[in-house]
Structure formats: C-alpha cells, structure tokens
Amino acid sequence: MLKAFKMKLYPGKAQEYKRRHDRLWPEMLEMIHAHGGRNYSIFLDESSLTLFAVIEIENEELWAQGTDTAINRKWWDYMADIMETNPDNSPVSTDLPMLFHLD
C-alpha cells in the first residue's frame, strides 16, 4: 500500500534536511523497516519549501506504531529545528489521498 504526505521546511534548511537524511541513523532505518516501511522517497517543491513523501507500507496500523518508538521521537527532536513541527516535535504532516496510480 502506498502512503503519501506533505511536510514543510523552514527557509534556508533544504540542504541541511538533505544532509541529515543522507546520514540517516541505522536505528531509524531499522525502525522504518520493522514497521512495514519500504521504498521511501521525499521530494522538495523549492518554491514553497513543501516536502512530498511517498512510502510503501504493509498497513496503516503497523506503520502508525512506529511513531511511538524512542528512536522516532529522537529523530523528531533532531529535525525540529529545520521544519514545521507540532508541540511534541512531530512534523506537521498532511496525508495526501491517492487519485491516480499507474504501474
């Protein structure tokens, strides 16, 4: 199942966002896989600083359980200075409904 969502960077933080993801912690990668996530891509609309993410997940329930892991919360804290976040440092994220898919 594909899941898509959007998030937003602060101005001037695109290169830092990329740098941090290029050095994704092994524990974070393990958590993503353990919670059914594969084939994860994040794209940037430079004009609006909007990030568009697409990930293949096994199911919503398993994926959602990853948010409560210690490593995920640590990652949110690490990223909070460069992107819009909620009070708990989770990214402000909006799910995007799929309107079309072609294999």
C-alpha atoms as a PDB file:
ATOM      1  CA  MET A   1       0.000   0.000   0.000  1.00  0.00           C
ATOM      2  CA  LEU A   2       1.308   3.465  -0.872  1.00  0.00           C
ATOM      3  CA  LYS A   3       1.163   6.322   1.619  1.00  0.00           C
ATOM      4  CA  ALA A   4       1.808   9.938   0.627  1.00  0.00           C
ATOM      5  CA  PHE A   5       2.037  13.013   2.818  1.00  0.00           C
ATOM      6  CA  LYS A   6       3.477  16.506   2.875  1.00  0.00           C
ATOM      7  CA  MET A   7       5.552  18.456   5.378  1.00  0.00           C
ATOM      8  CA  LYS A   8       7.235  21.870   5.298  1.00  0.00           C
ATOM      9  CA  LEU A   9      10.807  23.087   5.757  1.00  0.00           C
ATOM     10  CA  TYR A  10      11.927  26.368   7.224  1.00  0.00           C
ATOM     11  CA  PRO A  11      13.593  28.780   4.766  1.00  0.00           C
ATOM     12  CA  GLY A  12      17.232  28.001   4.045  1.00  0.00           C
ATOM     13  CA  LYS A  13      17.081  24.476   5.526  1.00  0.00           C
ATOM     14  CA  ALA A  14      16.795  22.285   2.402  1.00  0.00           C
ATOM     15  CA  GLN A  15      20.490  21.384   2.252  1.00  0.00           C
ATOM     16  CA  GLU A  16      20.574  20.567   5.955  1.00  0.00           C
ATOM     17  CA  TYR A  17      17.468  18.381   5.575  1.00  0.00           C
ATOM     18  CA  LYS A  18      19.152  16.506   2.730  1.00  0.00           C
ATOM     19  CA  ARG A  19      22.416  16.186   4.681  1.00  0.00           C
ATOM     20  CA  ARG A  20      20.656  14.680   7.692  1.00  0.00           C
ATOM     21  CA  HIS A  21      18.731  12.209   5.552  1.00  0.00           C
ATOM     22  CA  ASP A  22      21.878  11.245   3.631  1.00  0.00           C
ATOM     23  CA  ARG A  23      23.222  10.210   7.042  1.00  0.00           C
ATOM     24  CA  LEU A  24      20.035   8.515   8.262  1.00  0.00           C
ATOM     25  CA  TRP A  25      20.737   6.714  11.509  1.00  0.00           C
ATOM     26  CA  PRO A  26      20.864   2.911  11.132  1.00  0.00           C
ATOM     27  CA  GLU A  27      18.429   2.605  14.065  1.00  0.00           C
ATOM     28  CA  MET A  28      15.933   4.824  12.237  1.00  0.00           C
ATOM     29  CA  LEU A  29      16.218   2.722   9.085  1.00  0.00           C
ATOM     30  CA  GLU A  30      15.666  -0.424  11.167  1.00  0.00           C
ATOM     31  CA  MET A  31      12.558   1.112  12.775  1.00  0.00           C
ATOM     32  CA  ILE A  32      11.114   2.077   9.374  1.00  0.00           C
ATOM     33  CA  HIS A  33      11.593  -1.457   8.076  1.00  0.00           C
ATOM     34  CA  ALA A  34      10.321  -3.048  11.310  1.00  0.00           C
ATOM     35  CA  HIS A  35       7.099  -1.060  10.958  1.00  0.00           C
ATOM     36  CA  GLY A  36       6.467  -2.098   7.371  1.00  0.00           C
ATOM     37  CA  GLY A  37       8.042   0.819   5.506  1.00  0.00           C
ATOM     38  CA  ARG A  38       9.892   0.323   2.207  1.00  0.00           C
ATOM     39  CA  ASN A  39      10.756   2.291  -0.913  1.00  0.00           C
ATOM     40  CA  TYR A  40      10.597   5.685   0.819  1.00  0.00           C
ATOM     41  CA  SER A  41      11.122   8.865  -1.234  1.00  0.00           C
ATOM     42  CA  ILE A  42      10.876  12.511  -0.226  1.00  0.00           C
ATOM     43  CA  PHE A  43      10.712  15.311  -2.795  1.00  0.00           C
ATOM     44  CA  LEU A  44      11.035  19.082  -2.326  1.00  0.00           C
ATOM     45  CA  ASP A  45       8.996  21.808  -4.008  1.00  0.00           C
ATOM     46  CA  GLU A  46      11.634  24.537  -3.754  1.00  0.00           C
ATOM     47  CA  SER A  47       9.157  27.354  -4.438  1.00  0.00           C
ATOM     48  CA  SER A  48       7.031  26.535  -1.363  1.00  0.00           C
ATOM     49  CA  LEU A  49       9.524  24.513   0.746  1.00  0.00           C
ATOM     50  CA  THR A  50       6.935  21.737   0.808  1.00  0.00           C
ATOM     51  CA  LEU A  51       8.235  18.195   1.178  1.00  0.00           C
ATOM     52  CA  PHE A  52       6.249  15.445  -0.570  1.00  0.00           C
ATOM     53  CA  ALA A  53       6.844  11.958   0.802  1.00  0.00           C
ATOM     54  CA  VAL A  54       5.794   8.603  -0.649  1.00  0.00           C
ATOM     55  CA  ILE A  55       6.372   5.297   1.106  1.00  0.00           C
ATOM     56  CA  GLU A  56       5.202   1.732   0.623  1.00  0.00           C
ATOM     57  CA  ILE A  57       3.788   0.378   3.888  1.00  0.00           C
ATOM     58  CA  GLU A  58       2.432  -3.026   4.871  1.00  0.00           C
ATOM     59  CA  ASN A  59      -0.551  -1.492   6.673  1.00  0.00           C
ATOM     60  CA  GLU A  60      -1.540   1.734   8.438  1.00  0.00           C
ATOM     61  CA  GLU A  61      -1.731   0.206  11.925  1.00  0.00           C
ATOM     62  CA  LEU A  62       1.801  -1.237  11.873  1.00  0.00           C
ATOM     63  CA  TRP A  63       3.187   1.992  10.361  1.00  0.00           C
ATOM     64  CA  ALA A  64       1.447   4.144  12.996  1.00  0.00           C
ATOM     65  CA  GLN A  65       3.052   2.102  15.792  1.00  0.00           C
ATOM     66  CA  GLY A  66       6.449   3.405  14.669  1.00  0.00           C
ATOM     67  CA  THR A  67       5.577   6.895  15.883  1.00  0.00           C
ATOM     68  CA  ASP A  68       5.711   5.715  19.498  1.00  0.00           C
ATOM     69  CA  THR A  69       9.257   4.342  19.318  1.00  0.00           C
ATOM     70  CA  ALA A  70      12.091   6.035  21.182  1.00  0.00           C
ATOM     71  CA  ILE A  71      14.216   6.313  18.027  1.00  0.00           C
ATOM     72  CA  ASN A  72      11.410   8.003  16.115  1.00  0.00           C
ATOM     73  CA  ARG A  73      10.874  10.551  18.876  1.00  0.00           C
ATOM     74  CA  LYS A  74      14.638  11.179  18.972  1.00  0.00           C
ATOM     75  CA  TRP A  75      14.587  11.759  15.180  1.00  0.00           C
ATOM     76  CA  TRP A  76      11.695  14.207  15.524  1.00  0.00           C
ATOM     77  CA  ASP A  77      13.654  16.149  18.157  1.00  0.00           C
ATOM     78  CA  TYR A  78      16.711  16.161  15.869  1.00  0.00           C
ATOM     79  CA  MET A  79      14.694  17.529  12.926  1.00  0.00           C
ATOM     80  CA  ALA A  80      12.579  20.084  14.822  1.00  0.00           C
ATOM     81  CA  ASP A  81      14.947  22.996  14.216  1.00  0.00           C
ATOM     82  CA  ILE A  82      14.643  22.802  10.416  1.00  0.00           C
ATOM     83  CA  MET A  83      10.957  22.072   9.748  1.00  0.00           C
ATOM     84  CA  GLU A  84       7.467  22.898  10.940  1.00  0.00           C
ATOM     85  CA  THR A  85       6.557  20.732  13.935  1.00  0.00           C
ATOM     86  CA  ASN A  86       3.773  20.126  16.417  1.00  0.00           C
ATOM     87  CA  PRO A  87       4.285  20.740  20.171  1.00  0.00           C
ATOM     88  CA  ASP A  88       5.662  17.168  20.572  1.00  0.00           C
ATOM     89  CA  ASN A  89       8.215  17.862  17.767  1.00  0.00           C
ATOM     90  CA  SER A  90       6.408  15.540  15.331  1.00  0.00           C
ATOM     91  CA  PRO A  91       6.432  17.062  11.841  1.00  0.00           C
ATOM     92  CA  VAL A  92       3.339  18.961  10.816  1.00  0.00           C
ATOM     93  CA  SER A  93       2.176  16.419   8.256  1.00  0.00           C
ATOM     94  CA  THR A  94      -0.846  16.177   5.975  1.00  0.00           C
ATOM     95  CA  ASP A  95      -1.814  12.886   4.365  1.00  0.00           C
ATOM     96  CA  LEU A  96      -2.396  13.111   0.621  1.00  0.00           C
ATOM     97  CA  PRO A  97      -5.152  10.976  -0.911  1.00  0.00           C
ATOM     98  CA  MET A  98      -4.255   8.954  -3.993  1.00  0.00           C
ATOM     99  CA  LEU A  99      -6.262   9.979  -7.029  1.00  0.00           C
ATOM    100  CA  PHE A 100      -4.355   8.017  -9.689  1.00  0.00           C
ATOM    101  CA  HIS A 101      -1.804   5.220  -9.862  1.00  0.00           C
ATOM    102  CA  LEU A 102      -0.188   3.512 -12.841  1.00  0.00           C
ATOM    103  CA  ASP A 103       2.145   0.513 -12.571  1.00  0.00           C
END
